[in-house]
Amino acid sequence: MEENVAGGLVDVAARRGEHEHSHARALAEVTGIVGRYEELWSLLHDRPRVGRDPTEATTSRVRDLQSVGFAVEEVRLDAEGEGGDGEDLRLTVAVGGRRFHAEALRTLTGLDVGEGQARVLLGDPRDHRARWERERGRRVPEAVAAREWILSVFTPGAERAHDALRHLGDPVQAYCDLLEVRWLLSEQAGRDVGDGPALDALARRLPPGGSAAEAAFVDLPTEELPVIRIDDIE
């Protein structure tokens, strides 16, 4: 891998007419790739030994995997030794496939979207179900709540967001952008600001600033986007 990637980078540098000193930078990049690959391999395949209370180790491993884009599908604790008394456990974590979130959303709602879009969308029908259950004071079947979310939340919300973006991109991505911008503005305001300010920010192409997170806007013609605060759109 080192030879192939290094050769490819050097070839690209030569085609771009870069000076030979760029070769050293290419080789440094290769070394970094190898190191990151080894760290990722260990994160996926190591089975660390944990004590009688594995909560902290399990939470840390799951968080680390999620931070690099994996969805954890299974967590297993296996007893070491013949006694199997739980004094010495090894942690094994299995991750889902590359379309884990997309398949979960399709099963729940019937929507067939990209994996990145599914990561943004998947929590929305679940939040809708929780709100619906609080309002009704009783349990609501997941399938019923998902169907209601499609009809009363996602479909009109996607249409409004797509209109705000002047029909650039597609409605699914527009709704993802709406959720991201609403979350960022709400984080900034310390409360749920609702769809109105988020739609206004989309329409005016003013992403919220002052947050560590970034809004996932659809592809638009490149131009400078000024910072906006919640006070500017209320």
C-alpha atoms as a PDB file:
ATOM      1  CA  MET A   1       0.000   0.000   0.000  1.00  0.00           C
ATOM      2  CA  GLU A   2       2.812   2.408   0.842  1.00  0.00           C
ATOM      3  CA  GLU A   3       4.479   1.880  -2.539  1.00  0.00           C
ATOM      4  CA  ASN A   4       1.254   2.120  -4.525  1.00  0.00           C
ATOM      5  CA  VAL A   5      -0.065   5.238  -2.802  1.00  0.00           C
ATOM      6  CA  ALA A   6       3.343   6.951  -2.793  1.00  0.00           C
ATOM      7  CA  GLY A   7       3.816   6.198  -6.481  1.00  0.00           C
ATOM      8  CA  GLY A   8       0.364   7.548  -7.276  1.00  0.00           C
ATOM      9  CA  LEU A   9       0.914  10.778  -5.338  1.00  0.00           C
ATOM     10  CA  VAL A  10       4.317  11.360  -6.904  1.00  0.00           C
ATOM     11  CA  ASP A  11       2.809  10.763 -10.347  1.00  0.00           C
ATOM     12  CA  VAL A  12       0.053  13.297  -9.674  1.00  0.00           C
ATOM     13  CA  ALA A  13       2.633  15.828  -8.469  1.00  0.00           C
ATOM     14  CA  ALA A  14       4.674  15.324 -11.634  1.00  0.00           C
ATOM     15  CA  ARG A  15       1.620  15.749 -13.870  1.00  0.00           C
ATOM     16  CA  ARG A  16       0.819  19.001 -12.062  1.00  0.00           C
ATOM     17  CA  GLY A  17       4.351  20.211 -12.672  1.00  0.00           C
ATOM     18  CA  GLU A  18       5.231  20.404  -8.976  1.00  0.00           C
ATOM     19  CA  HIS A  19       8.862  20.566  -7.855  1.00  0.00           C
ATOM     20  CA  GLU A  20      10.584  17.432  -6.634  1.00  0.00           C
ATOM     21  CA  HIS A  21      10.479  18.727  -3.034  1.00  0.00           C
ATOM     22  CA  SER A  22       6.760  17.823  -3.061  1.00  0.00           C
ATOM     23  CA  HIS A  23       7.766  14.142  -3.149  1.00  0.00           C
ATOM     24  CA  ALA A  24       8.795  14.321   0.496  1.00  0.00           C
ATOM     25  CA  ARG A  25       5.356  15.648   1.361  1.00  0.00           C
ATOM     26  CA  ALA A  26       3.760  12.785  -0.564  1.00  0.00           C
ATOM     27  CA  LEU A  27       5.806  10.221   1.342  1.00  0.00           C
ATOM     28  CA  ALA A  28       4.833  11.856   4.635  1.00  0.00           C
ATOM     29  CA  GLU A  29       1.182  11.574   3.635  1.00  0.00           C
ATOM     30  CA  VAL A  30       1.669   7.867   2.965  1.00  0.00           C
ATOM     31  CA  THR A  31       3.164   7.329   6.404  1.00  0.00           C
ATOM     32  CA  GLY A  32       0.153   9.061   7.941  1.00  0.00           C
ATOM     33  CA  ILE A  33      -2.262   6.869   5.981  1.00  0.00           C
ATOM     34  CA  VAL A  34      -0.572   3.708   7.221  1.00  0.00           C
ATOM     35  CA  GLY A  35      -0.668   4.906  10.816  1.00  0.00           C
ATOM     36  CA  ARG A  36      -4.351   5.823  10.601  1.00  0.00           C
ATOM     37  CA  TYR A  37      -5.154   2.477   8.973  1.00  0.00           C
ATOM     38  CA  GLU A  38      -3.398   0.588  11.764  1.00  0.00           C
ATOM     39  CA  GLU A  39      -5.269   2.585  14.406  1.00  0.00           C
ATOM     40  CA  LEU A  40      -8.561   1.896  12.650  1.00  0.00           C
ATOM     41  CA  TRP A  41      -7.772  -1.816  12.357  1.00  0.00           C
ATOM     42  CA  SER A  42      -7.059  -1.998  16.075  1.00  0.00           C
ATOM     43  CA  LEU A  43     -10.228  -0.101  16.889  1.00  0.00           C
ATOM     44  CA  LEU A  44     -12.300  -2.562  14.860  1.00  0.00           C
ATOM     45  CA  HIS A  45     -10.601  -5.821  15.814  1.00  0.00           C
ATOM     46  CA  ASP A  46      -8.960  -5.506  19.221  1.00  0.00           C
ATOM     47  CA  ARG A  47     -10.681  -7.332  22.087  1.00  0.00           C
ATOM     48  CA  PRO A  48      -9.610  -5.377  25.165  1.00  0.00           C
ATOM     49  CA  ARG A  49      -9.739  -6.997  28.572  1.00  0.00           C
ATOM     50  CA  VAL A  50     -12.193  -5.265  30.928  1.00  0.00           C
ATOM     51  CA  GLY A  51     -12.925  -5.705  34.613  1.00  0.00           C
ATOM     52  CA  ARG A  52     -16.101  -6.605  36.432  1.00  0.00           C
ATOM     53  CA  ASP A  53     -17.654  -3.226  35.546  1.00  0.00           C
ATOM     54  CA  PRO A  54     -17.158  -2.864  31.775  1.00  0.00           C
ATOM     55  CA  THR A  55     -19.462   0.138  31.332  1.00  0.00           C
ATOM     56  CA  GLU A  56     -16.754   2.771  30.904  1.00  0.00           C
ATOM     57  CA  ALA A  57     -14.667   0.676  28.503  1.00  0.00           C
ATOM     58  CA  THR A  58     -17.731  -0.250  26.438  1.00  0.00           C
ATOM     59  CA  THR A  59     -18.971   3.342  26.238  1.00  0.00           C
ATOM     60  CA  SER A  60     -15.513   4.566  25.235  1.00  0.00           C
ATOM     61  CA  ARG A  61     -15.136   1.963  22.465  1.00  0.00           C
ATOM     62  CA  VAL A  62     -18.600   2.669  21.061  1.00  0.00           C
ATOM     63  CA  ARG A  63     -17.943   6.422  21.106  1.00  0.00           C
ATOM     64  CA  ASP A  64     -14.596   5.960  19.346  1.00  0.00           C
ATOM     65  CA  LEU A  65     -16.182   3.857  16.607  1.00  0.00           C
ATOM     66  CA  GLN A  66     -19.025   6.315  16.098  1.00  0.00           C
ATOM     67  CA  SER A  67     -16.554   9.200  15.883  1.00  0.00           C
ATOM     68  CA  VAL A  68     -14.969   7.636  12.776  1.00  0.00           C
ATOM     69  CA  GLY A  69     -18.312   6.911  11.107  1.00  0.00           C
ATOM     70  CA  PHE A  70     -19.208   3.368  12.149  1.00  0.00           C
ATOM     71  CA  ALA A  71     -22.558   2.239  13.518  1.00  0.00           C
ATOM     72  CA  VAL A  72     -22.234  -0.264  16.351  1.00  0.00           C
ATOM     73  CA  GLU A  73     -24.486  -3.247  15.732  1.00  0.00           C
ATOM     74  CA  GLU A  74     -23.483  -5.602  18.556  1.00  0.00           C
ATOM     75  CA  VAL A  75     -21.540  -5.458  21.820  1.00  0.00           C
ATOM     76  CA  ARG A  76     -20.478  -8.728  23.426  1.00  0.00           C
ATOM     77  CA  LEU A  77     -18.626  -9.525  26.648  1.00  0.00           C
ATOM     78  CA  ASP A  78     -16.918 -12.917  26.717  1.00  0.00           C
ATOM     79  CA  ALA A  79     -15.595 -14.465  29.921  1.00  0.00           C
ATOM     80  CA  GLU A  80     -11.955 -15.488  29.798  1.00  0.00           C
ATOM     81  CA  GLY A  81     -10.696 -18.706  31.355  1.00  0.00           C
ATOM     82  CA  GLU A  82     -12.420 -21.936  32.202  1.00  0.00           C
ATOM     83  CA  GLY A  83     -14.379 -20.646  35.195  1.00  0.00           C
ATOM     84  CA  GLY A  84     -16.298 -18.006  33.288  1.00  0.00           C
ATOM     85  CA  ASP A  85     -17.054 -16.218  36.565  1.00  0.00           C
ATOM     86  CA  GLY A  86     -17.034 -12.755  35.010  1.00  0.00           C
ATOM     87  CA  GLU A  87     -13.864 -11.653  36.790  1.00  0.00           C
ATOM     88  CA  ASP A  88     -12.014 -11.337  33.482  1.00  0.00           C
ATOM     89  CA  LEU A  89     -13.991 -10.239  30.419  1.00  0.00           C
ATOM     90  CA  ARG A  90     -13.043  -9.342  26.872  1.00  0.00           C
ATOM     91  CA  LEU A  91     -14.982  -6.786  24.888  1.00  0.00           C
ATOM     92  CA  THR A  92     -15.980  -7.532  21.297  1.00  0.00           C
ATOM     93  CA  VAL A  93     -17.768  -4.910  19.209  1.00  0.00           C
ATOM     94  CA  ALA A  94     -19.332  -5.598  15.802  1.00  0.00           C
ATOM     95  CA  VAL A  95     -20.129  -2.734  13.443  1.00  0.00           C
ATOM     96  CA  GLY A  96     -22.882  -2.512  10.878  1.00  0.00           C
ATOM     97  CA  GLY A  97     -22.466  -2.423   7.118  1.00  0.00           C
ATOM     98  CA  ARG A  98     -21.754   0.692   5.093  1.00  0.00           C
ATOM     99  CA  ARG A  99     -25.508   1.273   4.646  1.00  0.00           C
ATOM    100  CA  PHE A 100     -26.491   0.447   8.213  1.00  0.00           C
ATOM    101  CA  HIS A 101     -28.404   3.693   8.830  1.00  0.00           C
ATOM    102  CA  ALA A 102     -29.875   3.747   5.315  1.00  0.00           C
ATOM    103  CA  GLU A 103     -31.262   0.224   5.734  1.00  0.00           C
ATOM    104  CA  ALA A 104     -32.617   1.047   9.186  1.00  0.00           C
ATOM    105  CA  LEU A 105     -34.424   4.122   7.828  1.00  0.00           C
ATOM    106  CA  ARG A 106     -35.776   2.206   4.830  1.00  0.00           C
ATOM    107  CA  THR A 107     -37.119  -0.543   7.101  1.00  0.00           C
ATOM    108  CA  LEU A 108     -38.727   2.019   9.392  1.00  0.00           C
ATOM    109  CA  THR A 109     -40.162   4.489   6.870  1.00  0.00           C
ATOM    110  CA  GLY A 110     -39.738   3.083   3.359  1.00  0.00           C
ATOM    111  CA  LEU A 111     -37.451   5.967   2.371  1.00  0.00           C
ATOM    112  CA  ASP A 112     -34.460   4.938   0.250  1.00  0.00           C
ATOM    113  CA  VAL A 113     -31.772   7.563   0.829  1.00  0.00           C
ATOM    114  CA  GLY A 114     -28.004   7.816   1.084  1.00  0.00           C
ATOM    115  CA  GLU A 115     -26.148   6.713   4.210  1.00  0.00           C
ATOM    116  CA  GLY A 116     -25.187  10.265   5.166  1.00  0.00           C
ATOM    117  CA  GLN A 117     -28.767  11.478   4.747  1.00  0.00           C
ATOM    118  CA  ALA A 118     -30.064   8.533   6.780  1.00  0.00           C
ATOM    119  CA  ARG A 119     -27.768   9.432   9.687  1.00  0.00           C
ATOM    120  CA  VAL A 120     -29.332  12.884   9.792  1.00  0.00           C
ATOM    121  CA  LEU A 121     -32.919  11.670   9.303  1.00  0.00           C
ATOM    122  CA  LEU A 122     -33.071   8.565  11.472  1.00  0.00           C
ATOM    123  CA  GLY A 123     -33.567  10.341  14.777  1.00  0.00           C
ATOM    124  CA  ASP A 124     -36.418  12.533  13.478  1.00  0.00           C
ATOM    125  CA  PRO A 125     -39.170   9.860  13.264  1.00  0.00           C
ATOM    126  CA  ARG A 126     -38.112   8.547  16.666  1.00  0.00           C
ATOM    127  CA  ASP A 127     -38.351  12.030  18.181  1.00  0.00           C
ATOM    128  CA  HIS A 128     -41.757  12.437  16.520  1.00  0.00           C
ATOM    129  CA  ARG A 129     -42.931   9.170  18.063  1.00  0.00           C
ATOM    130  CA  ALA A 130     -41.748  10.236  21.514  1.00  0.00           C
ATOM    131  CA  ARG A 131     -43.588  13.577  21.229  1.00  0.00           C
ATOM    132  CA  TRP A 132     -46.722  11.843  19.987  1.00  0.00           C
ATOM    133  CA  GLU A 133     -46.646   9.412  22.903  1.00  0.00           C
ATOM    134  CA  ARG A 134     -46.272  12.254  25.405  1.00  0.00           C
ATOM    135  CA  GLU A 135     -49.230  14.085  23.862  1.00  0.00           C
ATOM    136  CA  ARG A 136     -51.423  10.975  23.813  1.00  0.00           C
ATOM    137  CA  GLY A 137     -50.256   9.624  27.115  1.00  0.00           C
ATOM    138  CA  ARG A 138     -49.869   6.116  25.752  1.00  0.00           C
ATOM    139  CA  ARG A 139     -47.592   3.987  23.601  1.00  0.00           C
ATOM    140  CA  VAL A 140     -47.717   4.416  19.816  1.00  0.00           C
ATOM    141  CA  PRO A 141     -46.594   1.545  17.541  1.00  0.00           C
ATOM    142  CA  GLU A 142     -43.340   2.371  15.759  1.00  0.00           C
ATOM    143  CA  ALA A 143     -44.804   1.657  12.307  1.00  0.00           C
ATOM    144  CA  VAL A 144     -47.790   3.930  12.953  1.00  0.00           C
ATOM    145  CA  ALA A 145     -45.567   6.764  14.189  1.00  0.00           C
ATOM    146  CA  ALA A 146     -43.236   6.375  11.199  1.00  0.00           C
ATOM    147  CA  ARG A 147     -46.145   6.568   8.756  1.00  0.00           C
ATOM    148  CA  GLU A 148     -47.492   9.655  10.524  1.00  0.00           C
ATOM    149  CA  TRP A 149     -44.014  11.218  10.420  1.00  0.00           C
ATOM    150  CA  ILE A 150     -43.816  10.690   6.648  1.00  0.00           C
ATOM    151  CA  LEU A 151     -47.238  12.262   6.047  1.00  0.00           C
ATOM    152  CA  SER A 152     -47.296  15.138   8.518  1.00  0.00           C
ATOM    153  CA  VAL A 153     -43.626  15.992   9.116  1.00  0.00           C
ATOM    154  CA  PHE A 154     -41.199  14.820   6.449  1.00  0.00           C
ATOM    155  CA  THR A 155     -43.221  15.399   3.253  1.00  0.00           C
ATOM    156  CA  PRO A 156     -44.373  18.972   3.995  1.00  0.00           C
ATOM    157  CA  GLY A 157     -41.055  19.798   5.646  1.00  0.00           C
ATOM    158  CA  ALA A 158     -39.084  18.616   2.625  1.00  0.00           C
ATOM    159  CA  GLU A 159     -41.298  20.671   0.319  1.00  0.00           C
ATOM    160  CA  ARG A 160     -40.828  23.829   2.402  1.00  0.00           C
ATOM    161  CA  ALA A 161     -37.072  23.331   2.639  1.00  0.00           C
ATOM    162  CA  HIS A 162     -36.790  22.639  -1.109  1.00  0.00           C
ATOM    163  CA  ASP A 163     -38.785  25.805  -1.825  1.00  0.00           C
ATOM    164  CA  ALA A 164     -36.495  27.792   0.494  1.00  0.00           C
ATOM    165  CA  LEU A 165     -33.487  26.576  -1.493  1.00  0.00           C
ATOM    166  CA  ARG A 166     -35.208  27.524  -4.771  1.00  0.00           C
ATOM    167  CA  HIS A 167     -35.397  23.823  -5.718  1.00  0.00           C
ATOM    168  CA  LEU A 168     -31.649  23.393  -5.825  1.00  0.00           C
ATOM    169  CA  GLY A 169     -30.586  19.848  -4.973  1.00  0.00           C
ATOM    170  CA  ASP A 170     -33.269  17.362  -4.008  1.00  0.00           C
ATOM    171  CA  PRO A 171     -36.048  17.521  -1.376  1.00  0.00           C
ATOM    172  CA  VAL A 172     -34.512  14.830   0.847  1.00  0.00           C
ATOM    173  CA  GLN A 173     -31.220  16.700   1.126  1.00  0.00           C
ATOM    174  CA  ALA A 174     -33.110  19.955   1.626  1.00  0.00           C
ATOM    175  CA  TYR A 175     -34.899  18.441   4.635  1.00  0.00           C
ATOM    176  CA  CYS A 176     -31.575  17.167   5.994  1.00  0.00           C
ATOM    177  CA  ASP A 177     -30.223  20.712   5.702  1.00  0.00           C
ATOM    178  CA  LEU A 178     -33.298  22.043   7.499  1.00  0.00           C
ATOM    179  CA  LEU A 179     -32.753  19.656  10.411  1.00  0.00           C
ATOM    180  CA  GLU A 180     -29.057  20.542  10.640  1.00  0.00           C
ATOM    181  CA  VAL A 181     -29.635  24.293  10.550  1.00  0.00           C
ATOM    182  CA  ARG A 182     -32.501  24.065  13.040  1.00  0.00           C
ATOM    183  CA  TRP A 183     -30.316  22.079  15.415  1.00  0.00           C
ATOM    184  CA  LEU A 184     -27.455  24.567  15.138  1.00  0.00           C
ATOM    185  CA  LEU A 185     -29.686  27.580  15.689  1.00  0.00           C
ATOM    186  CA  SER A 186     -31.396  25.869  18.625  1.00  0.00           C
ATOM    187  CA  GLU A 187     -28.013  25.037  20.159  1.00  0.00           C
ATOM    188  CA  GLN A 188     -27.017  28.652  19.759  1.00  0.00           C
ATOM    189  CA  ALA A 189     -30.266  29.961  21.257  1.00  0.00           C
ATOM    190  CA  GLY A 190     -30.432  27.413  24.061  1.00  0.00           C
ATOM    191  CA  ARG A 191     -33.947  26.389  23.044  1.00  0.00           C
ATOM    192  CA  ASP A 192     -35.833  24.874  20.117  1.00  0.00           C
ATOM    193  CA  VAL A 193     -36.281  27.699  17.596  1.00  0.00           C
ATOM    194  CA  GLY A 194     -38.629  25.755  15.317  1.00  0.00           C
ATOM    195  CA  ASP A 195     -38.634  25.497  11.540  1.00  0.00           C
ATOM    196  CA  GLY A 196     -39.269  29.183  10.799  1.00  0.00           C
ATOM    197  CA  PRO A 197     -35.807  30.613  11.564  1.00  0.00           C
ATOM    198  CA  ALA A 198     -34.137  27.574   9.968  1.00  0.00           C
ATOM    199  CA  LEU A 199     -36.134  27.975   6.755  1.00  0.00           C
ATOM    200  CA  ASP A 200     -35.302  31.681   6.731  1.00  0.00           C
ATOM    201  CA  ALA A 201     -31.600  30.891   7.116  1.00  0.00           C
ATOM    202  CA  LEU A 202     -31.805  28.417   4.228  1.00  0.00           C
ATOM    203  CA  ALA A 203     -33.680  30.864   2.009  1.00  0.00           C
ATOM    204  CA  ARG A 204     -31.170  33.638   2.722  1.00  0.00           C
ATOM    205  CA  ARG A 205     -28.255  31.197   2.479  1.00  0.00           C
ATOM    206  CA  LEU A 206     -26.981  32.267   5.894  1.00  0.00           C
ATOM    207  CA  PRO A 207     -25.588  29.289   7.830  1.00  0.00           C
ATOM    208  CA  PRO A 208     -25.464  29.746  11.601  1.00  0.00           C
ATOM    209  CA  GLY A 209     -22.084  30.530  13.078  1.00  0.00           C
ATOM    210  CA  GLY A 210     -20.599  30.238  16.530  1.00  0.00           C
ATOM    211  CA  SER A 211     -20.900  26.455  16.761  1.00  0.00           C
ATOM    212  CA  ALA A 212     -18.395  23.648  16.549  1.00  0.00           C
ATOM    213  CA  ALA A 213     -20.718  21.734  14.249  1.00  0.00           C
ATOM    214  CA  GLU A 214     -21.194  22.622  10.602  1.00  0.00           C
ATOM    215  CA  ALA A 215     -24.388  22.766   8.564  1.00  0.00           C
ATOM    216  CA  ALA A 216     -24.625  20.327   5.643  1.00  0.00           C
ATOM    217  CA  PHE A 217     -25.951  22.601   2.939  1.00  0.00           C
ATOM    218  CA  VAL A 218     -26.751  21.247  -0.514  1.00  0.00           C
ATOM    219  CA  ASP A 219     -24.408  22.149  -3.340  1.00  0.00           C
ATOM    220  CA  LEU A 220     -24.911  25.767  -4.336  1.00  0.00           C
ATOM    221  CA  PRO A 221     -22.854  28.185  -6.452  1.00  0.00           C
ATOM    222  CA  THR A 222     -19.721  29.085  -4.509  1.00  0.00           C
ATOM    223  CA  GLU A 223     -19.814  32.451  -2.770  1.00  0.00           C
ATOM    224  CA  GLU A 224     -18.923  33.782   0.649  1.00  0.00           C
ATOM    225  CA  LEU A 225     -21.525  33.025   3.307  1.00  0.00           C
ATOM    226  CA  PRO A 226     -21.745  35.585   6.126  1.00  0.00           C
ATOM    227  CA  VAL A 227     -22.126  34.434   9.718  1.00  0.00           C
ATOM    228  CA  ILE A 228     -25.615  34.708  11.174  1.00  0.00           C
ATOM    229  CA  ARG A 229     -26.791  34.565  14.775  1.00  0.00           C
ATOM    230  CA  ILE A 230     -30.208  33.665  16.060  1.00  0.00           C
ATOM    231  CA  ASP A 231     -30.857  37.331  16.968  1.00  0.00           C
ATOM    232  CA  ASP A 232     -30.501  38.289  13.294  1.00  0.00           C
ATOM    233  CA  ILE A 233     -33.466  36.207  12.146  1.00  0.00           C
ATOM    234  CA  GLU A 234     -35.903  36.539  15.022  1.00  0.00           C
END
